[in-house]
Amino acid sequence: MIEFGDVTKRYPGGFEALKGISFQITRGEMLFLTGRSGAGKSSLLKLIMLMERPSSGRIVVNGLDLGTLPARKVPLLRRDIGVVFQNHQLLFDRSVFDNVALPLTILGYQAREIQRRVRAALDKVGLLSKEKVNPLTLSGGEQQRVGIARAVVHKPPILLADEPTGNLDPELSRDVMHLFEQFNQVGVTVLIASHDLGLIARLPYRLLTLRDGNLVRGVERSDSELEREHG
């Protein structure tokens, strides 16, 4: 589903955000991408979405070799990827419904199908009753759930989340992770970048741990190992 082979990302000035990273994520897997701020987590996610291209190495996502993928086919890649951001990136001049509908509108779905899919996604995250309100009136946790509904409304096989619980309290963080687990249970591949060690330690999923641009761990781990890696 996702494969990195000896991938390096070097920015102008010579800074290497990622250094020879190799790993595989199987279809339908759920896992965490961890590491301190600046370790390379955001750079790795941007490479998967082709927001940036690697300096060297090979990346394959859902059968597409990103190194040879022409610019005109980037939208094809992104149709298969839903993205959840820490800061939600909602549009406050539109209703909750219109925010969630945005990916479907861009993809050219018919109005009736948009209505069906948006309401199904909002129902899944428990916000169907809020479809007409402005997201600015919602709590932080509700705004994050709107962002999740928007990310999954087009039913992508891959879901990426960049620090989705960073601004939430522990109870809301657990609720959000439970939503990700529900999507994973129906076959969605889920990769979550997070430094919420307490929450991660309670969940039985594989870790990809970055340190200074290097992959230092990519297998199962114990809680004590998790603490040492981030100590």
C-alpha atoms as a PDB file:
ATOM      1  CA  MET A   1       0.000   0.000   0.000  1.00  0.00           C
ATOM      2  CA  ILE A   2       2.781   2.445   1.026  1.00  0.00           C
ATOM      3  CA  GLU A   3       6.460   1.703   0.507  1.00  0.00           C
ATOM      4  CA  PHE A   4       9.517   3.879   1.146  1.00  0.00           C
ATOM      5  CA  GLY A   5      12.840   2.643  -0.211  1.00  0.00           C
ATOM      6  CA  ASP A   6      15.968   4.490   0.999  1.00  0.00           C
ATOM      7  CA  VAL A   7      14.159   7.850   0.853  1.00  0.00           C
ATOM      8  CA  THR A   8      16.007  11.076   1.631  1.00  0.00           C
ATOM      9  CA  LYS A   9      14.443  14.545   1.739  1.00  0.00           C
ATOM     10  CA  ARG A  10      16.910  17.429   1.548  1.00  0.00           C
ATOM     11  CA  TYR A  11      15.791  21.061   1.675  1.00  0.00           C
ATOM     12  CA  PRO A  12      17.560  24.111   0.197  1.00  0.00           C
ATOM     13  CA  GLY A  13      20.555  24.932   2.354  1.00  0.00           C
ATOM     14  CA  GLY A  14      21.402  21.257   2.841  1.00  0.00           C
ATOM     15  CA  PHE A  15      19.136  20.348   5.771  1.00  0.00           C
ATOM     16  CA  GLU A  16      18.141  16.667   5.584  1.00  0.00           C
ATOM     17  CA  ALA A  17      14.679  16.149   7.093  1.00  0.00           C
ATOM     18  CA  LEU A  18      14.709  12.426   6.220  1.00  0.00           C
ATOM     19  CA  LYS A  19      17.794  10.246   5.813  1.00  0.00           C
ATOM     20  CA  GLY A  20      17.566   6.958   3.940  1.00  0.00           C
ATOM     21  CA  ILE A  21      14.125   5.951   5.249  1.00  0.00           C
ATOM     22  CA  SER A  22      12.789   2.492   4.320  1.00  0.00           C
ATOM     23  CA  PHE A  23       9.550   0.854   5.473  1.00  0.00           C
ATOM     24  CA  GLN A  24       6.348  -0.780   4.220  1.00  0.00           C
ATOM     25  CA  ILE A  25       2.741  -0.286   5.303  1.00  0.00           C
ATOM     26  CA  THR A  26       0.371  -3.056   4.318  1.00  0.00           C
ATOM     27  CA  ARG A  27      -3.157  -2.528   3.049  1.00  0.00           C
ATOM     28  CA  GLY A  28      -5.632  -2.154   5.929  1.00  0.00           C
ATOM     29  CA  GLU A  29      -2.960  -1.520   8.579  1.00  0.00           C
ATOM     30  CA  MET A  30      -3.214   1.130  11.301  1.00  0.00           C
ATOM     31  CA  LEU A  31      -0.004   2.537  12.776  1.00  0.00           C
ATOM     32  CA  PHE A  32       1.578   5.580  14.387  1.00  0.00           C
ATOM     33  CA  LEU A  33       4.373   7.850  13.189  1.00  0.00           C
ATOM     34  CA  THR A  34       6.139   9.200  16.262  1.00  0.00           C
ATOM     35  CA  GLY A  35       9.108  11.365  17.168  1.00  0.00           C
ATOM     36  CA  ARG A  36       9.892  14.726  18.676  1.00  0.00           C
ATOM     37  CA  SER A  37       9.089  18.006  16.948  1.00  0.00           C
ATOM     38  CA  GLY A  38      11.445  18.394  13.998  1.00  0.00           C
ATOM     39  CA  ALA A  39      12.117  14.659  13.685  1.00  0.00           C
ATOM     40  CA  GLY A  40      10.700  14.553  10.139  1.00  0.00           C
ATOM     41  CA  LYS A  41       7.075  13.440  10.654  1.00  0.00           C
ATOM     42  CA  SER A  42       5.452  16.224   8.640  1.00  0.00           C
ATOM     43  CA  SER A  43       7.996  15.868   5.841  1.00  0.00           C
ATOM     44  CA  LEU A  44       7.209  12.165   5.564  1.00  0.00           C
ATOM     45  CA  LEU A  45       3.453  12.810   5.327  1.00  0.00           C
ATOM     46  CA  LYS A  46       3.992  15.508   2.697  1.00  0.00           C
ATOM     47  CA  LEU A  47       5.953  13.038   0.569  1.00  0.00           C
ATOM     48  CA  ILE A  48       3.080  10.529   0.670  1.00  0.00           C
ATOM     49  CA  MET A  49       0.655  13.241  -0.502  1.00  0.00           C
ATOM     50  CA  LEU A  50       3.162  14.516  -3.101  1.00  0.00           C
ATOM     51  CA  MET A  51       3.049  17.962  -1.550  1.00  0.00           C
ATOM     52  CA  GLU A  52       6.820  17.553  -1.822  1.00  0.00           C
ATOM     53  CA  ARG A  53       9.058  15.165  -3.734  1.00  0.00           C
ATOM     54  CA  PRO A  54      11.980  13.176  -2.295  1.00  0.00           C
ATOM     55  CA  SER A  55      15.562  14.129  -2.996  1.00  0.00           C
ATOM     56  CA  SER A  56      16.401  10.473  -3.560  1.00  0.00           C
ATOM     57  CA  GLY A  57      14.893   7.027  -3.067  1.00  0.00           C
ATOM     58  CA  ARG A  58      11.632   5.414  -4.161  1.00  0.00           C
ATOM     59  CA  ILE A  59       8.080   5.886  -2.859  1.00  0.00           C
ATOM     60  CA  VAL A  60       5.139   3.750  -3.972  1.00  0.00           C
ATOM     61  CA  VAL A  61       1.606   4.570  -2.810  1.00  0.00           C
ATOM     62  CA  ASN A  62      -1.336   2.379  -3.780  1.00  0.00           C
ATOM     63  CA  GLY A  63       0.587   0.986  -6.736  1.00  0.00           C
ATOM     64  CA  LEU A  64       1.764   4.393  -8.024  1.00  0.00           C
ATOM     65  CA  ASP A  65       5.505   5.108  -8.213  1.00  0.00           C
ATOM     66  CA  LEU A  66       5.626   8.720  -7.043  1.00  0.00           C
ATOM     67  CA  GLY A  67       9.055   9.293  -8.547  1.00  0.00           C
ATOM     68  CA  THR A  68       7.723   8.828 -12.070  1.00  0.00           C
ATOM     69  CA  LEU A  69       4.186  10.126 -11.534  1.00  0.00           C
ATOM     70  CA  PRO A  70       3.557  13.115 -13.832  1.00  0.00           C
ATOM     71  CA  ALA A  71       2.012  16.259 -12.386  1.00  0.00           C
ATOM     72  CA  ARG A  72      -1.241  15.688 -14.295  1.00  0.00           C
ATOM     73  CA  LYS A  73      -1.777  12.429 -12.357  1.00  0.00           C
ATOM     74  CA  VAL A  74      -1.192  13.865  -8.871  1.00  0.00           C
ATOM     75  CA  PRO A  75      -4.965  14.441  -8.413  1.00  0.00           C
ATOM     76  CA  LEU A  76      -5.449  10.717  -9.105  1.00  0.00           C
ATOM     77  CA  LEU A  77      -3.129   9.907  -6.201  1.00  0.00           C
ATOM     78  CA  ARG A  78      -4.814  12.371  -3.858  1.00  0.00           C
ATOM     79  CA  ARG A  79      -8.273  10.925  -4.517  1.00  0.00           C
ATOM     80  CA  ASP A  80      -7.063   7.849  -2.645  1.00  0.00           C
ATOM     81  CA  ILE A  81      -5.847   9.813   0.396  1.00  0.00           C
ATOM     82  CA  GLY A  82      -7.839  11.530   3.131  1.00  0.00           C
ATOM     83  CA  VAL A  83      -5.957  13.983   5.354  1.00  0.00           C
ATOM     84  CA  VAL A  84      -6.776  15.187   8.876  1.00  0.00           C
ATOM     85  CA  PHE A  85      -4.875  18.239  10.148  1.00  0.00           C
ATOM     86  CA  GLN A  86      -4.183  19.331  13.723  1.00  0.00           C
ATOM     87  CA  ASN A  87      -5.594  22.804  13.114  1.00  0.00           C
ATOM     88  CA  HIS A  88      -8.634  21.478  11.205  1.00  0.00           C
ATOM     89  CA  GLN A  89      -8.215  23.903   8.260  1.00  0.00           C
ATOM     90  CA  LEU A  90     -11.965  24.471   8.093  1.00  0.00           C
ATOM     91  CA  LEU A  91     -13.572  27.287   6.110  1.00  0.00           C
ATOM     92  CA  PHE A  92     -15.442  29.550   8.496  1.00  0.00           C
ATOM     93  CA  ASP A  93     -17.424  31.286   5.745  1.00  0.00           C
ATOM     94  CA  ARG A  94     -19.234  27.997   5.011  1.00  0.00           C
ATOM     95  CA  SER A  95     -21.480  25.647   6.929  1.00  0.00           C
ATOM     96  CA  VAL A  96     -20.371  22.313   8.385  1.00  0.00           C
ATOM     97  CA  PHE A  97     -22.165  20.580   5.504  1.00  0.00           C
ATOM     98  CA  ASP A  98     -20.339  22.650   2.874  1.00  0.00           C
ATOM     99  CA  ASN A  99     -16.967  22.045   4.535  1.00  0.00           C
ATOM    100  CA  VAL A 100     -17.455  18.284   4.419  1.00  0.00           C
ATOM    101  CA  ALA A 101     -18.840  18.441   0.872  1.00  0.00           C
ATOM    102  CA  LEU A 102     -15.799  20.279  -0.501  1.00  0.00           C
ATOM    103  CA  PRO A 103     -13.799  17.206  -1.675  1.00  0.00           C
ATOM    104  CA  LEU A 104     -16.868  15.791  -3.419  1.00  0.00           C
ATOM    105  CA  THR A 105     -17.596  19.105  -5.109  1.00  0.00           C
ATOM    106  CA  ILE A 106     -14.004  19.261  -6.381  1.00  0.00           C
ATOM    107  CA  LEU A 107     -14.295  15.688  -7.693  1.00  0.00           C
ATOM    108  CA  GLY A 108     -17.495  16.527  -9.565  1.00  0.00           C
ATOM    109  CA  TYR A 109     -20.047  14.432  -7.676  1.00  0.00           C
ATOM    110  CA  GLN A 110     -23.747  15.029  -8.351  1.00  0.00           C
ATOM    111  CA  ALA A 111     -25.718  17.002  -5.751  1.00  0.00           C
ATOM    112  CA  ARG A 112     -27.836  14.030  -4.611  1.00  0.00           C
ATOM    113  CA  GLU A 113     -24.738  11.857  -4.051  1.00  0.00           C
ATOM    114  CA  ILE A 114     -23.012  14.716  -2.226  1.00  0.00           C
ATOM    115  CA  GLN A 115     -25.951  15.025   0.158  1.00  0.00           C
ATOM    116  CA  ARG A 116     -26.009  11.286   0.811  1.00  0.00           C
ATOM    117  CA  ARG A 117     -22.289  10.987   1.452  1.00  0.00           C
ATOM    118  CA  VAL A 118     -21.927  14.139   3.548  1.00  0.00           C
ATOM    119  CA  ARG A 119     -24.787  13.179   5.839  1.00  0.00           C
ATOM    120  CA  ALA A 120     -23.440   9.644   6.201  1.00  0.00           C
ATOM    121  CA  ALA A 121     -19.997  11.024   7.140  1.00  0.00           C
ATOM    122  CA  LEU A 122     -21.436  13.508   9.630  1.00  0.00           C
ATOM    123  CA  ASP A 123     -23.584  10.801  11.170  1.00  0.00           C
ATOM    124  CA  LYS A 124     -20.482   8.624  11.569  1.00  0.00           C
ATOM    125  CA  VAL A 125     -18.707  11.342  13.585  1.00  0.00           C
ATOM    126  CA  GLY A 126     -21.836  12.255  15.563  1.00  0.00           C
ATOM    127  CA  LEU A 127     -22.470  15.672  14.023  1.00  0.00           C
ATOM    128  CA  LEU A 128     -25.433  15.158  11.715  1.00  0.00           C
ATOM    129  CA  SER A 129     -27.504  17.615  13.755  1.00  0.00           C
ATOM    130  CA  LYS A 130     -24.863  20.322  13.212  1.00  0.00           C
ATOM    131  CA  GLU A 131     -24.757  20.251   9.411  1.00  0.00           C
ATOM    132  CA  LYS A 132     -26.208  23.753   8.979  1.00  0.00           C
ATOM    133  CA  VAL A 133     -24.154  25.587  11.596  1.00  0.00           C
ATOM    134  CA  ASN A 134     -20.952  27.559  11.088  1.00  0.00           C
ATOM    135  CA  PRO A 135     -17.952  25.497  12.296  1.00  0.00           C
ATOM    136  CA  LEU A 136     -16.715  28.563  14.181  1.00  0.00           C
ATOM    137  CA  THR A 137     -19.499  27.921  16.715  1.00  0.00           C
ATOM    138  CA  LEU A 138     -18.302  24.379  17.438  1.00  0.00           C
ATOM    139  CA  SER A 139     -15.916  23.199  20.137  1.00  0.00           C
ATOM    140  CA  GLY A 140     -12.368  22.158  19.253  1.00  0.00           C
ATOM    141  CA  GLY A 141     -13.298  18.490  19.435  1.00  0.00           C
ATOM    142  CA  GLU A 142     -16.310  19.005  17.182  1.00  0.00           C
ATOM    143  CA  GLN A 143     -14.216  20.940  14.668  1.00  0.00           C
ATOM    144  CA  GLN A 144     -11.749  18.065  14.573  1.00  0.00           C
ATOM    145  CA  ARG A 145     -14.601  15.635  13.891  1.00  0.00           C
ATOM    146  CA  VAL A 146     -15.759  17.850  11.015  1.00  0.00           C
ATOM    147  CA  GLY A 147     -12.219  17.611   9.657  1.00  0.00           C
ATOM    148  CA  ILE A 148     -12.332  13.820   9.947  1.00  0.00           C
ATOM    149  CA  ALA A 149     -15.709  13.672   8.164  1.00  0.00           C
ATOM    150  CA  ARG A 150     -14.279  15.800   5.343  1.00  0.00           C
ATOM    151  CA  ALA A 151     -11.239  13.511   5.069  1.00  0.00           C
ATOM    152  CA  VAL A 152     -13.304  10.324   4.720  1.00  0.00           C
ATOM    153  CA  VAL A 153     -16.364  11.565   2.811  1.00  0.00           C
ATOM    154  CA  HIS A 154     -14.958  10.374  -0.533  1.00  0.00           C
ATOM    155  CA  LYS A 155     -14.113   6.971   0.987  1.00  0.00           C
ATOM    156  CA  PRO A 156     -10.341   6.988   0.424  1.00  0.00           C
ATOM    157  CA  PRO A 157      -8.416   3.751   1.028  1.00  0.00           C
ATOM    158  CA  ILE A 158      -5.676   5.715   2.870  1.00  0.00           C
ATOM    159  CA  LEU A 159      -6.188   8.093   5.797  1.00  0.00           C
ATOM    160  CA  LEU A 160      -3.333  10.295   7.064  1.00  0.00           C
ATOM    161  CA  ALA A 161      -3.580  12.340  10.267  1.00  0.00           C
ATOM    162  CA  ASP A 162      -1.032  14.930  11.411  1.00  0.00           C
ATOM    163  CA  GLU A 163      -1.217  15.381  15.209  1.00  0.00           C
ATOM    164  CA  PRO A 164      -5.034  15.027  15.201  1.00  0.00           C
ATOM    165  CA  THR A 165      -5.271  15.115  19.013  1.00  0.00           C
ATOM    166  CA  GLY A 166      -2.660  17.802  19.648  1.00  0.00           C
ATOM    167  CA  ASN A 167      -5.188  20.402  20.805  1.00  0.00           C
ATOM    168  CA  LEU A 168      -7.645  18.076  22.544  1.00  0.00           C
ATOM    169  CA  ASP A 169      -8.054  16.917  26.133  1.00  0.00           C
ATOM    170  CA  PRO A 170      -7.467  13.219  26.973  1.00  0.00           C
ATOM    171  CA  GLU A 171     -11.131  12.193  26.749  1.00  0.00           C
ATOM    172  CA  LEU A 172     -11.658  13.837  23.364  1.00  0.00           C
ATOM    173  CA  SER A 173      -8.345  12.376  22.166  1.00  0.00           C
ATOM    174  CA  ARG A 174      -9.587   8.876  22.975  1.00  0.00           C
ATOM    175  CA  ASP A 175     -12.834   9.560  21.128  1.00  0.00           C
ATOM    176  CA  VAL A 176     -10.952  10.711  18.035  1.00  0.00           C
ATOM    177  CA  MET A 177      -8.681   7.656  18.088  1.00  0.00           C
ATOM    178  CA  HIS A 178     -11.739   5.433  18.379  1.00  0.00           C
ATOM    179  CA  LEU A 179     -13.066   7.012  15.181  1.00  0.00           C
ATOM    180  CA  PHE A 180      -9.813   6.198  13.402  1.00  0.00           C
ATOM    181  CA  GLU A 181     -10.051   2.617  14.655  1.00  0.00           C
ATOM    182  CA  GLN A 182     -13.581   2.347  13.279  1.00  0.00           C
ATOM    183  CA  PHE A 183     -12.433   3.443   9.837  1.00  0.00           C
ATOM    184  CA  ASN A 184      -9.532   1.002  10.021  1.00  0.00           C
ATOM    185  CA  GLN A 185     -11.916  -1.826  10.901  1.00  0.00           C
ATOM    186  CA  VAL A 186     -13.647  -1.409   7.533  1.00  0.00           C
ATOM    187  CA  GLY A 187     -10.344  -1.684   5.652  1.00  0.00           C
ATOM    188  CA  VAL A 188      -8.949   1.867   5.557  1.00  0.00           C
ATOM    189  CA  THR A 189      -5.161   2.119   5.916  1.00  0.00           C
ATOM    190  CA  VAL A 190      -4.511   4.639   8.712  1.00  0.00           C
ATOM    191  CA  LEU A 191      -1.220   6.427   9.475  1.00  0.00           C
ATOM    192  CA  ILE A 192      -1.298   8.861  12.406  1.00  0.00           C
ATOM    193  CA  ALA A 193       1.572  11.220  13.240  1.00  0.00           C
ATOM    194  CA  SER A 194       1.454  11.874  16.983  1.00  0.00           C
ATOM    195  CA  HIS A 195       3.627  12.624  20.001  1.00  0.00           C
ATOM    196  CA  ASP A 196       0.841  11.762  22.480  1.00  0.00           C
ATOM    197  CA  LEU A 197       2.832   8.995  24.180  1.00  0.00           C
ATOM    198  CA  GLY A 198       0.256   8.268  26.862  1.00  0.00           C
ATOM    199  CA  LEU A 199      -2.428   7.607  24.285  1.00  0.00           C
ATOM    200  CA  ILE A 200      -0.175   5.662  21.915  1.00  0.00           C
ATOM    201  CA  ALA A 201       1.005   3.373  24.722  1.00  0.00           C
ATOM    202  CA  ARG A 202      -2.562   2.130  25.267  1.00  0.00           C
ATOM    203  CA  LEU A 203      -3.106   1.152  21.642  1.00  0.00           C
ATOM    204  CA  PRO A 204      -1.756  -2.060  20.074  1.00  0.00           C
ATOM    205  CA  TYR A 205      -0.443  -0.681  16.799  1.00  0.00           C
ATOM    206  CA  ARG A 206       2.946  -0.650  15.109  1.00  0.00           C
ATOM    207  CA  LEU A 207       5.179   2.411  15.410  1.00  0.00           C
ATOM    208  CA  LEU A 208       7.370   4.176  12.911  1.00  0.00           C
ATOM    209  CA  THR A 209       9.638   6.266  15.128  1.00  0.00           C
ATOM    210  CA  LEU A 210      11.800   9.053  13.709  1.00  0.00           C
ATOM    211  CA  ARG A 211      14.769  10.680  15.382  1.00  0.00           C
ATOM    212  CA  ASP A 212      16.668  13.484  13.628  1.00  0.00           C
ATOM    213  CA  GLY A 213      15.408  12.273  10.248  1.00  0.00           C
ATOM    214  CA  ASN A 214      16.352   8.633  10.848  1.00  0.00           C
ATOM    215  CA  LEU A 215      13.916   5.754  11.266  1.00  0.00           C
ATOM    216  CA  VAL A 216      14.919   4.238  14.607  1.00  0.00           C
ATOM    217  CA  ARG A 217      12.020   1.857  15.018  1.00  0.00           C
ATOM    218  CA  GLY A 218       9.368   0.319  12.787  1.00  0.00           C
ATOM    219  CA  VAL A 219       8.103  -2.762  14.589  1.00  0.00           C
ATOM    220  CA  GLU A 220       5.999  -3.774  17.592  1.00  0.00           C
ATOM    221  CA  ARG A 221       7.100  -2.277  20.916  1.00  0.00           C
ATOM    222  CA  SER A 222       6.519  -2.343  24.651  1.00  0.00           C
ATOM    223  CA  ASP A 223       5.515   0.694  26.706  1.00  0.00           C
ATOM    224  CA  SER A 224       8.974   0.894  28.272  1.00  0.00           C
ATOM    225  CA  GLU A 225      10.600   0.917  24.834  1.00  0.00           C
ATOM    226  CA  LEU A 226       8.287   3.702  23.761  1.00  0.00           C
ATOM    227  CA  GLU A 227       9.329   5.829  26.713  1.00  0.00           C
ATOM    228  CA  ARG A 228      13.038   5.215  26.043  1.00  0.00           C
ATOM    229  CA  GLU A 229      12.709   6.219  22.405  1.00  0.00           C
ATOM    230  CA  HIS A 230      11.240   9.590  23.374  1.00  0.00           C
ATOM    231  CA  GLY A 231      13.100  10.103  26.612  1.00  0.00           C
END
